[in-house]
C-alpha atoms as a PDB file:
ATOM      1  CA  MET A   1       0.017  -0.093  -0.023  1.00  0.00           C
ATOM      2  CA  GLU A   2       1.357   3.443  -1.010  1.00  0.00           C
ATOM      3  CA  MET A   3       1.442   6.536   1.305  1.00  0.00           C
ATOM      4  CA  VAL A   4      -0.246   9.307   0.649  1.00  0.00           C
ATOM      5  CA  LYS A   5       1.540  12.574   1.638  1.00  0.00           C
ATOM      6  CA  LEU A   6      -0.843  15.416   2.406  1.00  0.00           C
ATOM      7  CA  ASP A   7       0.000  19.140   2.355  1.00  0.00           C
ATOM      8  CA  PRO A   8      -0.139  20.740   5.878  1.00  0.00           C
ATOM      9  CA  ILE A   9      -3.635  22.279   6.295  1.00  0.00           C
ATOM     10  CA  LYS A  10      -3.282  26.083   6.505  1.00  0.00           C
ATOM     11  CA  ARG A  11      -5.829  27.780   8.585  1.00  0.00           C
ATOM     12  CA  SER A  12      -8.154  30.509   7.727  1.00  0.00           C
ATOM     13  CA  THR A  13      -9.804  31.195  10.981  1.00  0.00           C
ATOM     14  CA  LEU A  14      -8.394  33.139  14.032  1.00  0.00           C
ATOM     15  CA  THR A  15      -9.515  32.711  17.466  1.00  0.00           C
ATOM     16  CA  VAL A  16     -10.549  35.759  20.025  1.00  0.00           C
ATOM     17  CA  HIS A  17      -6.889  35.723  21.077  1.00  0.00           C
ATOM     18  CA  GLU A  18      -5.656  35.911  17.632  1.00  0.00           C
ATOM     19  CA  VAL A  19      -8.126  38.453  16.760  1.00  0.00           C
ATOM     20  CA  ALA A  20      -7.278  40.579  19.731  1.00  0.00           C
ATOM     21  CA  ILE A  21      -3.807  40.655  18.814  1.00  0.00           C
ATOM     22  CA  TYR A  22      -4.391  41.247  15.054  1.00  0.00           C
ATOM     23  CA  LEU A  23      -6.340  44.309  15.970  1.00  0.00           C
ATOM     24  CA  GLY A  24      -4.257  45.406  18.822  1.00  0.00           C
ATOM     25  CA  ILE A  25      -7.152  45.478  21.255  1.00  0.00           C
ATOM     26  CA  SER A  26      -7.802  43.638  24.568  1.00  0.00           C
ATOM     27  CA  ILE A  27      -9.510  40.357  24.464  1.00  0.00           C
ATOM     28  CA  ASP A  28     -12.388  41.866  26.926  1.00  0.00           C
ATOM     29  CA  LEU A  29     -13.190  43.978  23.931  1.00  0.00           C
ATOM     30  CA  VAL A  30     -13.030  41.337  21.244  1.00  0.00           C
ATOM     31  CA  TYR A  31     -15.915  39.450  23.493  1.00  0.00           C
ATOM     32  CA  THR A  32     -17.638  42.779  23.857  1.00  0.00           C
ATOM     33  CA  MET A  33     -17.769  43.418  20.152  1.00  0.00           C
ATOM     34  CA  VAL A  34     -18.927  39.820  19.400  1.00  0.00           C
ATOM     35  CA  ARG A  35     -21.857  40.044  22.202  1.00  0.00           C
ATOM     36  CA  GLU A  36     -22.780  43.500  20.313  1.00  0.00           C
ATOM     37  CA  LYS A  37     -22.548  42.017  16.762  1.00  0.00           C
ATOM     38  CA  SER A  38     -20.357  44.606  15.793  1.00  0.00           C
ATOM     39  CA  ILE A  39     -17.422  42.101  14.595  1.00  0.00           C
ATOM     40  CA  VAL A  40     -18.007  39.524  12.012  1.00  0.00           C
ATOM     41  CA  HIS A  41     -17.370  35.921  13.543  1.00  0.00           C
ATOM     42  CA  PHE A  42     -19.079  32.557  13.866  1.00  0.00           C
ATOM     43  CA  ARG A  43     -19.596  30.047  16.476  1.00  0.00           C
ATOM     44  CA  ILE A  44     -18.828  26.016  16.553  1.00  0.00           C
ATOM     45  CA  GLY A  45     -20.230  25.005  19.451  1.00  0.00           C
ATOM     46  CA  LYS A  46     -18.905  27.307  22.223  1.00  0.00           C
ATOM     47  CA  ARG A  47     -15.868  28.373  20.469  1.00  0.00           C
ATOM     48  CA  ILE A  48     -16.030  31.782  18.861  1.00  0.00           C
ATOM     49  CA  LEU A  49     -13.912  31.939  15.242  1.00  0.00           C
ATOM     50  CA  PHE A  50     -13.402  34.662  12.639  1.00  0.00           C
ATOM     51  CA  LYS A  51     -12.630  34.158   9.195  1.00  0.00           C
ATOM     52  CA  LYS A  52      -9.332  36.197   8.349  1.00  0.00           C
ATOM     53  CA  GLU A  53     -10.630  37.562   5.182  1.00  0.00           C
ATOM     54  CA  ALA A  54     -13.682  38.636   6.584  1.00  0.00           C
ATOM     55  CA  VAL A  55     -11.925  40.404   9.542  1.00  0.00           C
ATOM     56  CA  ASP A  56      -9.907  41.951   6.744  1.00  0.00           C
ATOM     57  CA  ARG A  57     -12.950  43.103   4.709  1.00  0.00           C
ATOM     58  CA  TRP A  58     -14.379  44.264   8.352  1.00  0.00           C
ATOM     59  CA  ILE A  59     -11.342  46.505   8.744  1.00  0.00           C
ATOM     60  CA  GLU A  60     -11.800  47.971   5.205  1.00  0.00           C
ATOM     61  CA  ASP A  61     -15.444  48.532   5.552  1.00  0.00           C
ATOM     62  CA  LYS A  62     -14.554  50.569   9.003  1.00  0.00           C
ATOM     63  CA  MET A  63     -11.752  52.667   7.441  1.00  0.00           C
ATOM     64  CA  GLU A  64     -14.014  53.713   4.421  1.00  0.00           C
ATOM     65  CA  SER A  65     -16.981  54.524   6.706  1.00  0.00           C
ATOM     66  CA  ASN A  66     -14.887  56.528   8.902  1.00  0.00           C
ATOM     67  CA  TYR A  67     -13.058  58.365   5.782  1.00  0.00           C
ATOM     68  CA  HIS A  68     -16.717  58.916   4.312  1.00  0.00           C
ATOM     69  CA  ASP A  69     -17.838  60.532   7.664  1.00  0.00           C
ATOM     70  CA  GLU A  70     -15.229  63.274   7.872  1.00  0.00           C
END
């Protein structure tokens, strides 16, 4: 039987802690934003996860809305 070599899986999701580091904010603030539904996220069981691409789009949207508000 021939062994099949698999490429390592590249994660596309971030945890609450990773999002806090990525955004430069506290973990508590991330949880507050999740509770207020002001940041894109999803749940698997009790875990809160963030798709990195969605967080990046969310950042871009925030930057654009702040720019247009001025």
